[in-house]
Amino acid sequence: MSADEVINAEFALDPEVVYLNHAGVCPLPRRSARAAQQFLAECEQQGARYYDRWLATESRLRQQLAELIHAPGPEDIAILKNTSEGLSVVAYGFPWRSGDNVIISDEEFPSNRIVWESLADRGVSVREVGLRAGDDPEQVLLDAADDRTRMVAISAIQFASGFRLDLARLGALCRDRDIAYCVDGIQALGAVKVDVQSAHIDFLAADAHKWLLGPEGVALFYCAPGWRERLMLHQFGWHMTANAGDYDSREWLPARSARRFECGSPNMIGIHALSATLDMFAELGMGLVEARVLARAEHLFEAIAARPDLQSITLDQAGRYGGIVTFRTTVVAVDQLVRQLRAQGIVCAARGGGVRFSPHFYTPIEHLDRALAAIPRSPRITGGPG
């Protein structure tokens, strides 16, 4: 099917809803909702009679996720609960020494700040760096490093401002300095192309429930092969063992694959739904998805620039944005405006001192125009009473 045919077949939002919050929690495509419903119906009628088929879907999802991020193979993929769990696996498995430090940006979502700050009692300090302090933000981050910097932990796209880093450039800089490189990919995966190998990424974590158009409670965790057995394990259970399923054996070792980071039973409902969604992404191709996401951001940039009462917070420089566009208005307080828009069925968020719109590839352009038209204009501009 063509992209438009896929969109018409897969997205069933209430016609009264303008959904501009994919950077928050996404709607599900029809096929994903159907996969979850069919799984639950099978559980209701058959229990775990066909558990072997569930395991086959789990295995297939690892392959799909590996292909999505261009990982070497499915053995590099763990299926965890959320981004925070993946970042915690890295933070508490990494071979820190007292006096080490980790570099983050000053715009990070709490998940990619708190986890590193929690290492203070191990003697690990956090260095926050302003991303937009110069023309070369990747170099600015590395300029903050010293001989005790062990890791750069960064969001591919910042949740509030929508600022996007050049992952490959930053990865090359980290590699040249022998600094580990951890990426929170939740605002990038499903919106823009990500290649963990060409970007020299050591660790990447991302939930499914934003741009990946999956449910909450299932997440990707990528660990580069060279790091897999260097991370100390802190979660243990039957599922992370090399002989998972052999419940009578008294001897065990961690799995050689990234399954070593999965301590217990997987979220099979989420796995079925996400696998269905990734089929859709594969059919469309991430090149097409990214182009459409960026086109919608560019449409918003142009419309915002045409209104003197609006000011974009998101940088509209090519390569520095993804699907998030955040802006200010001089007419009404941000929280009040978001409430007003939501009351009209326009789902968005207040973030970073502005209103955050985050349309996906399938979002109709007319929905963007409808949302912008709903933002009150300055009386001075509209010719109304002063």
Protein backbone atom coordinates (compact mmCIF):
# COMPACT_ATOMS: atom_id res chain seq x y z
CA MET A 1 0.00 0.00 0.00
CA SER A 2 1.01 3.61 -0.44
CA ALA A 3 1.83 5.71 2.60
CA ASP A 4 -1.55 7.42 2.43
CA GLU A 5 -3.33 4.07 2.18
CA VAL A 6 -1.45 2.84 5.25
CA ILE A 7 -2.38 6.01 7.14
CA ASN A 8 -6.05 5.65 6.21
CA ALA A 9 -6.04 1.99 7.24
CA GLU A 10 -4.15 2.37 10.50
CA PHE A 11 -5.19 5.54 12.29
CA ALA A 12 -8.65 5.80 13.77
CA LEU A 13 -8.53 8.88 15.96
CA ASP A 14 -11.80 10.54 16.90
CA PRO A 15 -12.42 13.16 14.19
CA GLU A 16 -12.81 15.76 16.94
CA VAL A 17 -9.24 15.11 18.14
CA VAL A 18 -6.14 16.90 16.87
CA TYR A 19 -3.33 14.83 18.33
CA LEU A 20 -0.07 16.76 18.77
CA ASN A 21 1.45 14.92 21.72
CA HIS A 22 3.52 12.06 20.31
CA ALA A 23 6.39 13.33 22.46
CA GLY A 24 4.14 12.39 25.41
CA VAL A 25 2.02 9.27 24.94
CA CYS A 26 0.94 8.16 21.47
CA PRO A 27 -2.29 6.76 20.04
CA LEU A 28 -1.98 3.18 18.79
CA PRO A 29 -2.29 2.19 15.14
CA ARG A 30 -5.19 -0.17 14.44
CA ARG A 31 -2.92 -3.15 13.86
CA SER A 32 -1.20 -2.64 17.24
CA ALA A 33 -4.47 -2.36 19.14
CA ARG A 34 -5.75 -5.40 17.25
CA ALA A 35 -2.63 -7.42 18.12
CA ALA A 36 -3.08 -6.61 21.81
CA GLN A 37 -6.80 -7.46 21.67
CA GLN A 38 -6.14 -10.76 19.91
CA PHE A 39 -3.47 -11.63 22.46
CA LEU A 40 -5.86 -10.93 25.33
CA ALA A 41 -8.63 -12.94 23.65
CA GLU A 42 -6.23 -15.86 23.30
CA CYS A 43 -5.28 -15.55 26.98
CA GLU A 44 -8.99 -15.51 27.89
CA GLN A 45 -9.85 -18.54 25.79
CA GLN A 46 -6.64 -20.61 25.71
CA GLY A 47 -4.46 -19.38 28.56
CA ALA A 48 -0.80 -20.02 27.75
CA ARG A 49 -1.54 -23.00 25.52
CA TYR A 50 0.41 -21.42 22.68
CA TYR A 51 3.27 -19.95 24.70
CA ASP A 52 5.76 -21.13 22.10
CA ARG A 53 4.12 -18.72 19.64
CA TRP A 54 4.50 -15.91 22.17
CA LEU A 55 8.21 -16.67 22.41
CA ALA A 56 8.46 -16.56 18.62
CA THR A 57 6.90 -13.07 18.63
CA GLU A 58 9.34 -11.98 21.34
CA SER A 59 12.24 -13.27 19.26
CA ARG A 60 10.89 -11.53 16.18
CA LEU A 61 10.60 -8.23 18.06
CA ARG A 62 14.30 -8.38 18.95
CA GLN A 63 15.11 -8.76 15.26
CA GLN A 64 12.78 -5.89 14.33
CA LEU A 65 14.32 -3.58 16.94
CA ALA A 66 17.84 -4.50 15.84
CA GLU A 67 16.94 -3.62 12.25
CA LEU A 68 15.29 -0.37 13.33
CA ILE A 69 18.46 0.95 15.00
CA HIS A 70 20.94 -0.90 12.75
CA ALA A 71 22.37 -2.92 15.62
CA PRO A 72 24.76 -5.76 14.76
CA GLY A 73 22.11 -8.32 15.66
CA PRO A 74 19.15 -9.25 17.87
CA GLU A 75 21.50 -10.55 20.55
CA ASP A 76 22.35 -6.89 21.27
CA ILE A 77 18.73 -6.06 22.15
CA ALA A 78 17.08 -6.37 25.55
CA ILE A 79 13.35 -5.81 26.01
CA LEU A 80 12.84 -3.89 29.24
CA LYS A 81 9.98 -1.98 30.87
CA ASN A 82 10.97 1.61 30.12
CA THR A 83 13.79 4.02 29.32
CA SER A 84 14.52 4.64 33.00
CA GLU A 85 15.20 0.95 33.57
CA GLY A 86 17.63 0.87 30.65
CA LEU A 87 19.49 3.94 31.91
CA SER A 88 19.61 2.42 35.40
CA VAL A 89 21.11 -0.79 34.00
CA VAL A 90 23.93 1.34 32.59
CA ALA A 91 24.36 3.64 35.60
CA TYR A 92 24.58 0.84 38.15
CA GLY A 93 26.41 -1.66 35.98
CA PHE A 94 29.13 0.68 34.73
CA PRO A 95 32.64 0.24 36.23
CA TRP A 96 32.85 3.62 37.96
CA ARG A 97 35.68 4.74 40.19
CA SER A 98 35.31 7.38 42.88
CA GLY A 99 36.15 10.75 41.33
CA ASP A 100 34.71 9.90 37.91
CA ASN A 101 32.20 12.18 36.22
CA VAL A 102 29.44 11.93 33.61
CA ILE A 103 28.45 14.73 31.22
CA ILE A 104 24.80 15.50 30.51
CA SER A 105 23.02 18.52 29.04
CA ASP A 106 21.16 21.16 31.03
CA GLU A 107 17.90 20.25 29.26
CA GLU A 108 17.54 16.58 30.13
CA PHE A 109 14.28 14.89 31.08
CA PRO A 110 14.47 13.79 34.75
CA SER A 111 15.07 10.15 33.77
CA ASN A 112 18.38 11.10 32.18
CA ARG A 113 19.44 13.32 35.06
CA ILE A 114 18.27 11.70 38.29
CA VAL A 115 19.85 8.33 37.49
CA TRP A 116 23.30 9.91 37.18
CA GLU A 117 22.83 12.21 40.17
CA SER A 118 21.97 9.13 42.24
CA LEU A 119 25.57 7.95 41.82
CA ALA A 120 26.88 10.71 44.10
CA ASP A 121 27.38 8.32 47.00
CA ARG A 122 29.71 6.32 44.74
CA GLY A 123 31.83 9.39 44.17
CA VAL A 124 30.52 10.04 40.65
CA SER A 125 29.71 13.65 39.80
CA VAL A 126 27.46 15.09 37.09
CA ARG A 127 28.48 17.93 34.79
CA GLU A 128 25.57 19.76 33.15
CA VAL A 129 26.47 21.54 29.93
CA GLY A 130 24.45 24.14 28.05
CA LEU A 131 23.71 22.66 24.64
CA ARG A 132 23.31 25.94 22.83
CA ALA A 133 26.29 27.79 24.25
CA GLY A 134 28.03 27.79 20.86
CA ASP A 135 27.75 26.83 17.22
CA ASP A 136 29.10 23.32 17.80
CA PRO A 137 27.09 21.71 20.64
CA GLU A 138 28.76 18.32 20.24
CA GLN A 139 32.18 19.89 20.77
CA VAL A 140 30.81 22.00 23.65
CA LEU A 141 29.80 18.82 25.44
CA LEU A 142 33.24 17.27 25.00
CA ASP A 143 34.99 20.50 25.99
CA ALA A 144 33.55 19.90 29.47
CA ALA A 145 35.35 16.56 29.72
CA ASP A 146 38.54 15.94 31.64
CA ASP A 147 40.63 12.86 32.36
CA ARG A 148 38.00 11.60 34.83
CA THR A 149 35.07 11.84 32.42
CA ARG A 150 33.88 8.30 31.80
CA MET A 151 30.59 8.85 30.01
CA VAL A 152 28.46 11.27 28.00
CA ALA A 153 24.75 10.56 28.61
CA ILE A 154 22.49 12.55 26.34
CA SER A 155 19.03 12.63 24.79
CA ALA A 156 19.06 12.36 21.02
CA ILE A 157 16.31 15.00 20.96
CA GLN A 158 15.49 17.09 24.00
CA PHE A 159 11.95 16.57 25.30
CA ALA A 160 11.09 20.25 25.88
CA SER A 161 13.04 22.36 23.40
CA GLY A 162 13.15 19.71 20.68
CA PHE A 163 16.88 20.35 20.20
CA ARG A 164 18.48 17.54 18.19
CA LEU A 165 22.10 16.47 18.39
CA ASP A 166 24.26 15.05 15.63
CA LEU A 167 24.59 11.58 17.15
CA ALA A 168 27.30 10.44 14.76
CA ARG A 169 29.51 13.49 15.36
CA LEU A 170 29.12 13.23 19.12
CA GLY A 171 29.82 9.51 18.98
CA ALA A 172 33.02 10.05 17.04
CA LEU A 173 34.18 12.64 19.58
CA CYS A 174 33.45 10.25 22.45
CA ARG A 175 35.25 7.41 20.70
CA ASP A 176 38.31 9.56 20.11
CA ARG A 177 38.44 10.41 23.82
CA ASP A 178 37.64 6.83 24.95
CA ILE A 179 34.48 8.07 26.69
CA ALA A 180 31.41 5.82 26.89
CA TYR A 181 28.35 7.10 25.04
CA CYS A 182 24.82 6.55 26.34
CA VAL A 183 21.78 7.84 24.42
CA ASP A 184 18.21 8.33 25.60
CA GLY A 185 16.50 7.74 22.27
CA ILE A 186 12.87 8.04 23.27
CA GLN A 187 12.22 11.29 21.34
CA ALA A 188 14.04 10.02 18.24
CA LEU A 189 13.14 6.39 17.58
CA GLY A 190 10.11 6.22 15.32
CA ALA A 191 10.52 9.85 14.26
CA VAL A 192 14.01 10.01 12.72
CA LYS A 193 16.56 7.48 11.57
CA VAL A 194 19.04 6.18 14.17
CA ASP A 195 22.08 4.00 13.43
CA VAL A 196 23.85 2.89 16.59
CA GLN A 197 26.85 1.51 14.72
CA SER A 198 27.64 4.49 12.53
CA ALA A 199 27.06 6.78 15.53
CA HIS A 200 29.36 4.69 17.78
CA ILE A 201 26.65 4.46 20.45
CA ASP A 202 27.49 2.18 23.37
CA PHE A 203 24.07 2.17 25.06
CA LEU A 204 20.63 3.28 23.90
CA ALA A 205 17.30 3.10 25.71
CA ALA A 206 13.83 4.07 24.49
CA ASP A 207 10.23 3.38 25.48
CA ALA A 208 7.70 2.37 22.84
CA HIS A 209 4.88 4.70 23.84
CA LYS A 210 5.94 7.89 22.05
CA TRP A 211 7.13 8.08 18.43
CA LEU A 212 7.36 4.28 18.14
CA LEU A 213 3.55 4.19 18.39
CA GLY A 214 3.53 1.32 20.87
CA PRO A 215 2.11 0.80 24.36
CA GLU A 216 3.60 1.78 27.69
CA GLY A 217 5.53 -0.85 29.63
CA VAL A 218 7.81 -2.13 26.85
CA ALA A 219 11.16 -0.61 25.87
CA LEU A 220 14.26 -1.20 23.81
CA PHE A 221 17.67 -1.38 25.46
CA TYR A 222 20.71 -1.67 23.21
CA CYS A 223 24.13 -2.57 24.56
CA ALA A 224 27.10 -2.64 22.20
CA PRO A 225 28.74 -6.09 22.08
CA GLY A 226 31.97 -4.84 23.65
CA TRP A 227 30.12 -3.62 26.74
CA ARG A 228 27.69 -6.47 27.27
CA GLU A 229 29.75 -8.48 29.74
CA ARG A 230 31.43 -5.41 31.26
CA LEU A 231 28.23 -4.12 32.86
CA MET A 232 27.75 -5.52 36.35
CA LEU A 233 24.34 -7.14 36.81
CA HIS A 234 22.05 -6.04 39.63
CA GLN A 235 18.79 -7.73 38.58
CA PHE A 236 18.50 -11.50 38.63
CA GLY A 237 15.88 -14.08 37.78
CA TRP A 238 15.02 -16.98 35.56
CA HIS A 239 14.77 -15.03 32.33
CA MET A 240 18.32 -13.63 32.36
CA THR A 241 20.05 -16.99 32.55
CA ALA A 242 21.76 -18.84 29.73
CA ASN A 243 19.50 -21.83 30.35
CA ALA A 244 16.21 -19.95 30.75
CA GLY A 245 13.39 -22.49 30.74
CA ASP A 246 15.44 -25.23 32.40
CA TYR A 247 13.84 -24.86 35.81
CA ASP A 248 15.39 -27.99 37.33
CA SER A 249 19.03 -27.05 36.83
CA ARG A 250 20.84 -25.82 39.93
CA GLU A 251 23.68 -24.31 37.91
CA TRP A 252 23.26 -21.06 36.02
CA LEU A 253 25.16 -18.37 34.19
CA PRO A 254 23.93 -15.07 32.73
CA ALA A 255 22.89 -15.26 29.09
CA ARG A 256 25.64 -14.23 26.69
CA SER A 257 23.14 -12.03 24.82
CA ALA A 258 21.48 -8.82 26.02
CA ARG A 259 18.78 -11.02 27.54
CA ARG A 260 21.11 -11.00 30.58
CA PHE A 261 19.54 -7.61 31.41
CA GLU A 262 15.99 -9.03 31.53
CA CYS A 263 15.44 -10.52 34.95
CA GLY A 264 11.86 -11.80 34.72
CA SER A 265 8.82 -12.49 32.61
CA PRO A 266 8.40 -10.14 29.63
CA ASN A 267 5.42 -7.90 28.86
CA MET A 268 3.89 -10.14 26.22
CA ILE A 269 0.94 -7.83 25.52
CA GLY A 270 3.31 -4.95 24.83
CA ILE A 271 5.59 -7.18 22.78
CA HIS A 272 2.74 -8.25 20.48
CA ALA A 273 1.51 -4.68 20.02
CA LEU A 274 4.96 -3.20 19.37
CA SER A 275 5.90 -5.94 16.92
CA ALA A 276 2.76 -5.12 14.92
CA THR A 277 3.65 -1.42 14.86
CA LEU A 278 7.20 -2.12 13.70
CA ASP A 279 5.77 -4.08 10.78
CA MET A 280 4.08 -0.83 9.74
CA PHE A 281 7.30 1.17 10.05
CA ALA A 282 9.12 -1.44 7.97
CA GLU A 283 6.46 -1.26 5.26
CA LEU A 284 6.71 2.53 5.09
CA GLY A 285 10.48 2.85 5.57
CA MET A 286 12.05 5.19 8.09
CA GLY A 287 13.20 7.47 5.28
CA LEU A 288 9.61 8.29 4.41
CA VAL A 289 8.56 8.55 8.06
CA GLU A 290 11.39 10.95 8.89
CA ALA A 291 10.72 13.11 5.82
CA ARG A 292 7.07 13.48 6.78
CA VAL A 293 7.85 14.19 10.43
CA LEU A 294 10.31 16.92 9.45
CA ALA A 295 7.89 18.37 6.89
CA ARG A 296 5.32 18.83 9.63
CA ALA A 297 7.85 20.52 11.88
CA GLU A 298 8.81 22.84 9.03
CA HIS A 299 5.17 23.69 8.41
CA LEU A 300 4.87 24.72 12.05
CA PHE A 301 8.07 26.78 11.90
CA GLU A 302 6.77 28.72 8.89
CA ALA A 303 3.38 29.36 10.49
CA ILE A 304 4.93 30.47 13.78
CA ALA A 305 7.34 32.82 12.00
CA ALA A 306 4.38 34.43 10.22
CA ARG A 307 2.78 35.45 13.50
CA PRO A 308 4.40 38.28 15.53
CA ASP A 309 2.68 37.03 18.70
CA LEU A 310 4.41 33.61 18.51
CA GLN A 311 8.07 32.79 19.05
CA SER A 312 9.66 29.41 18.39
CA ILE A 313 11.75 27.93 21.19
CA THR A 314 12.78 25.01 18.99
CA LEU A 315 15.72 25.86 16.74
CA ASP A 316 14.63 25.66 13.10
CA GLN A 317 18.14 24.98 11.79
CA ALA A 318 18.38 21.93 9.54
CA GLY A 319 19.57 18.89 11.47
CA ARG A 320 18.74 20.46 14.85
CA TYR A 321 15.10 19.42 15.11
CA GLY A 322 12.98 16.32 14.86
CA GLY A 323 9.25 16.16 15.42
CA ILE A 324 8.99 18.50 18.42
CA VAL A 325 8.17 22.18 17.93
CA THR A 326 7.83 24.26 21.09
CA PHE A 327 6.84 27.92 21.03
CA ARG A 328 5.83 30.85 23.21
CA THR A 329 2.94 33.24 22.83
CA THR A 330 2.73 36.82 24.06
CA VAL A 331 -1.05 36.70 24.40
CA VAL A 332 -1.91 34.06 27.02
CA ALA A 333 -0.08 32.09 29.72
CA VAL A 334 1.25 28.75 28.54
CA ASP A 335 -0.66 26.54 31.00
CA GLN A 336 -3.88 28.41 30.28
CA LEU A 337 -3.40 28.06 26.54
CA VAL A 338 -2.75 24.32 26.77
CA ARG A 339 -5.95 23.92 28.80
CA GLN A 340 -7.88 25.93 26.22
CA LEU A 341 -6.49 23.88 23.34
CA ARG A 342 -7.20 20.58 25.08
CA ALA A 343 -10.77 21.70 25.71
CA GLN A 344 -11.09 22.01 21.92
CA GLY A 345 -9.71 18.50 21.36
CA ILE A 346 -6.19 19.70 20.52
CA VAL A 347 -3.90 17.44 22.55
CA CYS A 348 -0.54 19.08 23.28
CA ALA A 349 1.67 19.81 26.29
CA ALA A 350 3.28 22.62 28.25
CA ARG A 351 7.04 22.06 28.27
CA GLY A 352 10.14 24.19 28.64
CA GLY A 353 8.27 27.45 29.11
CA GLY A 354 6.23 27.00 25.95
CA VAL A 355 3.55 25.01 24.18
CA ARG A 356 4.89 21.78 22.69
CA PHE A 357 3.38 20.43 19.49
CA SER A 358 4.63 17.01 18.39
CA PRO A 359 2.82 15.73 15.28
CA HIS A 360 3.76 12.41 13.68
CA PHE A 361 4.14 11.41 10.05
CA TYR A 362 0.43 10.64 9.70
CA THR A 363 -0.83 13.89 11.23
CA PRO A 364 -2.84 15.83 8.60
CA ILE A 365 -1.40 19.25 7.79
CA GLU A 366 -4.88 20.71 8.24
CA HIS A 367 -4.75 19.57 11.87
CA LEU A 368 -1.66 21.72 12.36
CA ASP A 369 -3.45 24.69 10.83
CA ARG A 370 -6.50 24.06 13.00
CA ALA A 371 -4.36 24.01 16.15
CA LEU A 372 -2.55 27.21 15.19
CA ALA A 373 -5.82 28.96 14.35
CA ALA A 374 -7.10 28.11 17.84
CA ILE A 375 -4.30 30.10 19.50
CA PRO A 376 -5.65 33.55 20.46
CA ARG A 377 -4.08 36.43 18.56
CA SER A 378 -3.01 39.74 20.01
CA PRO A 379 -5.82 42.33 19.80
CA ARG A 380 -3.27 44.70 18.29
CA ILE A 381 -2.69 42.21 15.48
CA THR A 382 -6.29 41.23 14.86
CA GLY A 383 -7.63 44.78 15.00
CA GLY A 384 -9.77 44.09 18.06
CA PRO A 385 -10.16 46.37 21.09
CA GLY A 386 -6.91 47.40 22.79
